[in-house]
Amino acid sequence: MLRLYGEPYDDGQAARTFAALDLDPGALGRSARSYSKGMTQKLGIAACLLSGKALYVLDEPAGGLDPKARAMFKNELRALHRGGRTVFFTSHSLADVAELCDRMVVLHGGRLLYAGTPDELTGAHGGKDLESAFLDCIAAVPA
């Protein structure tokens, strides 16, 4: 994957990334097809993070991860943010959005219903949490 990104392989960086995701470096010795969904997801995340890019676009990146891997992955997202990187991700987990995102959008029925911060959405829709605010936001739109 690093060849696709035009980046050299660095043993130290690979070891740090694998450790940060609780991923055994020996996993590279087997075909990705032989692994579970969660293990395959961790391998894909590791490949993405090793690219060293300034922008990451991820589609449901925590899907299939066990609770430990999910927590470790969220720590990596926070580290990327602290390092000045931008992470754009889709998620059906509003708890993850509330916890990790500075900005968010709500797409529903092919329409953009909201763009702003999670707190602004919660405040605008009088929700006690992001999930209830989301439900109120999409309910306010005629079918």
C-alpha atoms as a PDB file:
ATOM      1  CA  MET A   1       0.000   0.000   0.000  1.00  0.00           C
ATOM      2  CA  LEU A   2       2.837   2.389   0.746  1.00  0.00           C
ATOM      3  CA  ARG A   3       4.022   2.068  -2.855  1.00  0.00           C
ATOM      4  CA  LEU A   4       0.606   3.311  -3.955  1.00  0.00           C
ATOM      5  CA  TYR A   5       1.072   6.331  -1.675  1.00  0.00           C
ATOM      6  CA  GLY A   6       4.588   6.901  -2.987  1.00  0.00           C
ATOM      7  CA  GLU A   7       5.999   6.443   0.518  1.00  0.00           C
ATOM      8  CA  PRO A   8       8.910   4.265   1.684  1.00  0.00           C
ATOM      9  CA  TYR A   9       8.373   1.460   4.178  1.00  0.00           C
ATOM     10  CA  ASP A  10       9.806   2.306   7.602  1.00  0.00           C
ATOM     11  CA  ASP A  11      10.109  -0.610  10.056  1.00  0.00           C
ATOM     12  CA  GLY A  12       9.989   1.693  13.097  1.00  0.00           C
ATOM     13  CA  GLN A  13       6.916   3.584  11.938  1.00  0.00           C
ATOM     14  CA  ALA A  14       5.171   0.352  11.001  1.00  0.00           C
ATOM     15  CA  ALA A  15       5.938  -1.120  14.443  1.00  0.00           C
ATOM     16  CA  ARG A  16       4.618   2.029  16.192  1.00  0.00           C
ATOM     17  CA  THR A  17       1.443   2.071  14.087  1.00  0.00           C
ATOM     18  CA  PHE A  18       0.819  -1.633  14.615  1.00  0.00           C
ATOM     19  CA  ALA A  19       1.371  -1.265  18.374  1.00  0.00           C
ATOM     20  CA  ALA A  20      -1.010   1.712  18.485  1.00  0.00           C
ATOM     21  CA  LEU A  21      -3.705  -0.481  16.945  1.00  0.00           C
ATOM     22  CA  ASP A  22      -2.853  -3.617  18.965  1.00  0.00           C
ATOM     23  CA  LEU A  23      -1.954  -5.348  15.722  1.00  0.00           C
ATOM     24  CA  ASP A  24       0.706  -8.069  15.515  1.00  0.00           C
ATOM     25  CA  PRO A  25       3.309  -7.158  12.841  1.00  0.00           C
ATOM     26  CA  GLY A  26       3.322 -10.848  11.912  1.00  0.00           C
ATOM     27  CA  ALA A  27      -0.115 -10.227  10.406  1.00  0.00           C
ATOM     28  CA  LEU A  28       1.630  -8.950   7.280  1.00  0.00           C
ATOM     29  CA  GLY A  29       2.828 -12.479   6.580  1.00  0.00           C
ATOM     30  CA  ARG A  30      -0.648 -13.793   5.759  1.00  0.00           C
ATOM     31  CA  SER A  31      -3.214 -12.925   3.129  1.00  0.00           C
ATOM     32  CA  ALA A  32      -5.707 -10.310   4.341  1.00  0.00           C
ATOM     33  CA  ARG A  33      -8.493 -12.584   3.065  1.00  0.00           C
ATOM     34  CA  SER A  34      -7.706 -15.074   5.828  1.00  0.00           C
ATOM     35  CA  TYR A  35      -8.585 -12.619   8.606  1.00  0.00           C
ATOM     36  CA  SER A  36     -11.792 -11.636  10.369  1.00  0.00           C
ATOM     37  CA  LYS A  37     -13.594  -8.395   9.509  1.00  0.00           C
ATOM     38  CA  GLY A  38     -12.070  -6.655  12.536  1.00  0.00           C
ATOM     39  CA  MET A  39      -8.546  -7.810  11.741  1.00  0.00           C
ATOM     40  CA  THR A  40      -8.946  -6.818   8.094  1.00  0.00           C
ATOM     41  CA  GLN A  41     -10.248  -3.422   9.229  1.00  0.00           C
ATOM     42  CA  LYS A  42      -7.197  -2.920  11.482  1.00  0.00           C
ATOM     43  CA  LEU A  43      -4.851  -3.821   8.610  1.00  0.00           C
ATOM     44  CA  GLY A  44      -6.595  -1.290   6.366  1.00  0.00           C
ATOM     45  CA  ILE A  45      -6.422   1.396   9.045  1.00  0.00           C
ATOM     46  CA  ALA A  46      -2.719   0.702   9.585  1.00  0.00           C
ATOM     47  CA  ALA A  47      -2.049   0.975   5.847  1.00  0.00           C
ATOM     48  CA  CYS A  48      -3.924   4.262   5.739  1.00  0.00           C
ATOM     49  CA  LEU A  49      -2.181   5.731   8.792  1.00  0.00           C
ATOM     50  CA  LEU A  50       1.245   4.722   7.495  1.00  0.00           C
ATOM     51  CA  SER A  51       0.685   6.926   4.443  1.00  0.00           C
ATOM     52  CA  GLY A  52       1.605   9.991   6.513  1.00  0.00           C
ATOM     53  CA  LYS A  53      -0.819  12.198   4.602  1.00  0.00           C
ATOM     54  CA  ALA A  54      -2.264  15.491   5.834  1.00  0.00           C
ATOM     55  CA  LEU A  55      -5.837  14.398   5.023  1.00  0.00           C
ATOM     56  CA  TYR A  56      -7.494  11.074   5.776  1.00  0.00           C
ATOM     57  CA  VAL A  57     -10.903  10.150   4.351  1.00  0.00           C
ATOM     58  CA  LEU A  58     -12.337   7.100   6.092  1.00  0.00           C
ATOM     59  CA  ASP A  59     -15.644   5.298   5.565  1.00  0.00           C
ATOM     60  CA  GLU A  60     -16.978   3.731   8.770  1.00  0.00           C
ATOM     61  CA  PRO A  61     -13.434   3.123  10.050  1.00  0.00           C
ATOM     62  CA  ALA A  62     -14.468   1.684  13.415  1.00  0.00           C
ATOM     63  CA  GLY A  63     -16.861  -0.847  11.905  1.00  0.00           C
ATOM     64  CA  GLY A  64     -15.968  -4.383  12.938  1.00  0.00           C
ATOM     65  CA  LEU A  65     -13.462  -3.336  15.601  1.00  0.00           C
ATOM     66  CA  ASP A  66     -13.657  -4.878  19.062  1.00  0.00           C
ATOM     67  CA  PRO A  67     -13.918  -2.452  22.026  1.00  0.00           C
ATOM     68  CA  LYS A  68     -10.159  -2.416  22.714  1.00  0.00           C
ATOM     69  CA  ALA A  69      -9.237  -1.827  19.068  1.00  0.00           C
ATOM     70  CA  ARG A  70     -11.950   0.836  18.811  1.00  0.00           C
ATOM     71  CA  ALA A  71     -10.567   2.731  21.816  1.00  0.00           C
ATOM     72  CA  MET A  72      -7.009   2.476  20.495  1.00  0.00           C
ATOM     73  CA  PHE A  73      -8.128   3.651  17.045  1.00  0.00           C
ATOM     74  CA  LYS A  74      -9.872   6.678  18.547  1.00  0.00           C
ATOM     75  CA  ASN A  75      -6.641   7.510  20.370  1.00  0.00           C
ATOM     76  CA  GLU A  76      -4.856   7.443  17.012  1.00  0.00           C
ATOM     77  CA  LEU A  77      -7.438   9.802  15.517  1.00  0.00           C
ATOM     78  CA  ARG A  78      -6.853  12.205  18.410  1.00  0.00           C
ATOM     79  CA  ALA A  79      -3.083  11.985  17.863  1.00  0.00           C
ATOM     80  CA  LEU A  80      -3.539  12.780  14.165  1.00  0.00           C
ATOM     81  CA  HIS A  81      -5.628  15.805  15.104  1.00  0.00           C
ATOM     82  CA  ARG A  82      -3.008  17.008  17.610  1.00  0.00           C
ATOM     83  CA  GLY A  83      -0.425  16.605  14.844  1.00  0.00           C
ATOM     84  CA  GLY A  84      -2.356  18.987  12.602  1.00  0.00           C
ATOM     85  CA  ARG A  85      -3.853  16.315  10.362  1.00  0.00           C
ATOM     86  CA  THR A  86      -7.421  16.394   9.088  1.00  0.00           C
ATOM     87  CA  VAL A  87      -9.610  13.320   9.408  1.00  0.00           C
ATOM     88  CA  PHE A  88     -12.896  13.170   7.535  1.00  0.00           C
ATOM     89  CA  PHE A  89     -14.941  10.091   8.348  1.00  0.00           C
ATOM     90  CA  THR A  90     -18.425   8.697   7.988  1.00  0.00           C
ATOM     91  CA  SER A  91     -20.046   7.035  10.947  1.00  0.00           C
ATOM     92  CA  HIS A  92     -23.376   5.737  12.119  1.00  0.00           C
ATOM     93  CA  SER A  93     -22.043   5.929  15.690  1.00  0.00           C
ATOM     94  CA  LEU A  94     -23.184   9.313  16.954  1.00  0.00           C
ATOM     95  CA  ALA A  95     -21.323   8.696  20.217  1.00  0.00           C
ATOM     96  CA  ASP A  96     -18.069   8.581  18.224  1.00  0.00           C
ATOM     97  CA  VAL A  97     -19.051  11.742  16.349  1.00  0.00           C
ATOM     98  CA  ALA A  98     -19.819  13.569  19.605  1.00  0.00           C
ATOM     99  CA  GLU A  99     -16.545  12.400  21.123  1.00  0.00           C
ATOM    100  CA  LEU A 100     -14.194  13.008  18.207  1.00  0.00           C
ATOM    101  CA  CYS A 101     -15.526  15.628  15.829  1.00  0.00           C
ATOM    102  CA  ASP A 102     -15.009  19.367  15.726  1.00  0.00           C
ATOM    103  CA  ARG A 103     -17.497  19.662  12.872  1.00  0.00           C
ATOM    104  CA  MET A 104     -20.140  17.364  11.433  1.00  0.00           C
ATOM    105  CA  VAL A 105     -22.843  17.148   8.813  1.00  0.00           C
ATOM    106  CA  VAL A 106     -26.133  15.298   8.801  1.00  0.00           C
ATOM    107  CA  LEU A 107     -27.118  13.718   5.512  1.00  0.00           C
ATOM    108  CA  HIS A 108     -30.572  12.202   5.293  1.00  0.00           C
ATOM    109  CA  GLY A 109     -32.586  11.119   2.294  1.00  0.00           C
ATOM    110  CA  GLY A 110     -29.870  12.411  -0.017  1.00  0.00           C
ATOM    111  CA  ARG A 111     -30.089  15.910   1.483  1.00  0.00           C
ATOM    112  CA  LEU A 112     -27.723  17.924   3.623  1.00  0.00           C
ATOM    113  CA  LEU A 113     -29.728  18.842   6.711  1.00  0.00           C
ATOM    114  CA  TYR A 114     -27.085  20.242   9.013  1.00  0.00           C
ATOM    115  CA  ALA A 115     -23.468  21.417   9.051  1.00  0.00           C
ATOM    116  CA  GLY A 116     -21.767  22.659  12.215  1.00  0.00           C
ATOM    117  CA  THR A 117     -20.484  21.398  15.520  1.00  0.00           C
ATOM    118  CA  PRO A 118     -22.035  18.505  17.430  1.00  0.00           C
ATOM    119  CA  ASP A 119     -22.826  20.887  20.317  1.00  0.00           C
ATOM    120  CA  GLU A 120     -24.575  23.302  17.957  1.00  0.00           C
ATOM    121  CA  LEU A 121     -26.771  20.502  16.612  1.00  0.00           C
ATOM    122  CA  THR A 122     -27.663  19.423  20.124  1.00  0.00           C
ATOM    123  CA  GLY A 123     -28.427  23.009  21.117  1.00  0.00           C
ATOM    124  CA  ALA A 124     -30.430  23.803  17.991  1.00  0.00           C
ATOM    125  CA  HIS A 125     -32.659  20.785  18.424  1.00  0.00           C
ATOM    126  CA  GLY A 126     -32.960  20.867  22.189  1.00  0.00           C
ATOM    127  CA  GLY A 127     -31.638  17.368  22.492  1.00  0.00           C
ATOM    128  CA  LYS A 128     -30.223  15.942  25.669  1.00  0.00           C
ATOM    129  CA  ASP A 129     -27.556  14.276  23.539  1.00  0.00           C
ATOM    130  CA  LEU A 130     -26.435  14.106  19.929  1.00  0.00           C
ATOM    131  CA  GLU A 131     -28.575  11.094  19.143  1.00  0.00           C
ATOM    132  CA  SER A 132     -31.829  12.749  20.206  1.00  0.00           C
ATOM    133  CA  ALA A 133     -30.825  15.968  18.420  1.00  0.00           C
ATOM    134  CA  PHE A 134     -30.132  13.960  15.258  1.00  0.00           C
ATOM    135  CA  LEU A 135     -33.548  12.284  15.454  1.00  0.00           C
ATOM    136  CA  ASP A 136     -35.223  15.661  15.896  1.00  0.00           C
ATOM    137  CA  CYS A 137     -33.228  17.108  12.995  1.00  0.00           C
ATOM    138  CA  ILE A 138     -34.279  14.402  10.539  1.00  0.00           C
ATOM    139  CA  ALA A 139     -37.874  14.352  11.821  1.00  0.00           C
ATOM    140  CA  ALA A 140     -38.206  18.063  11.022  1.00  0.00           C
ATOM    141  CA  VAL A 141     -37.820  17.324   7.294  1.00  0.00           C
ATOM    142  CA  PRO A 142     -40.914  16.420   5.296  1.00  0.00           C
ATOM    143  CA  ALA A 143     -40.673  13.049   3.582  1.00  0.00           C
END
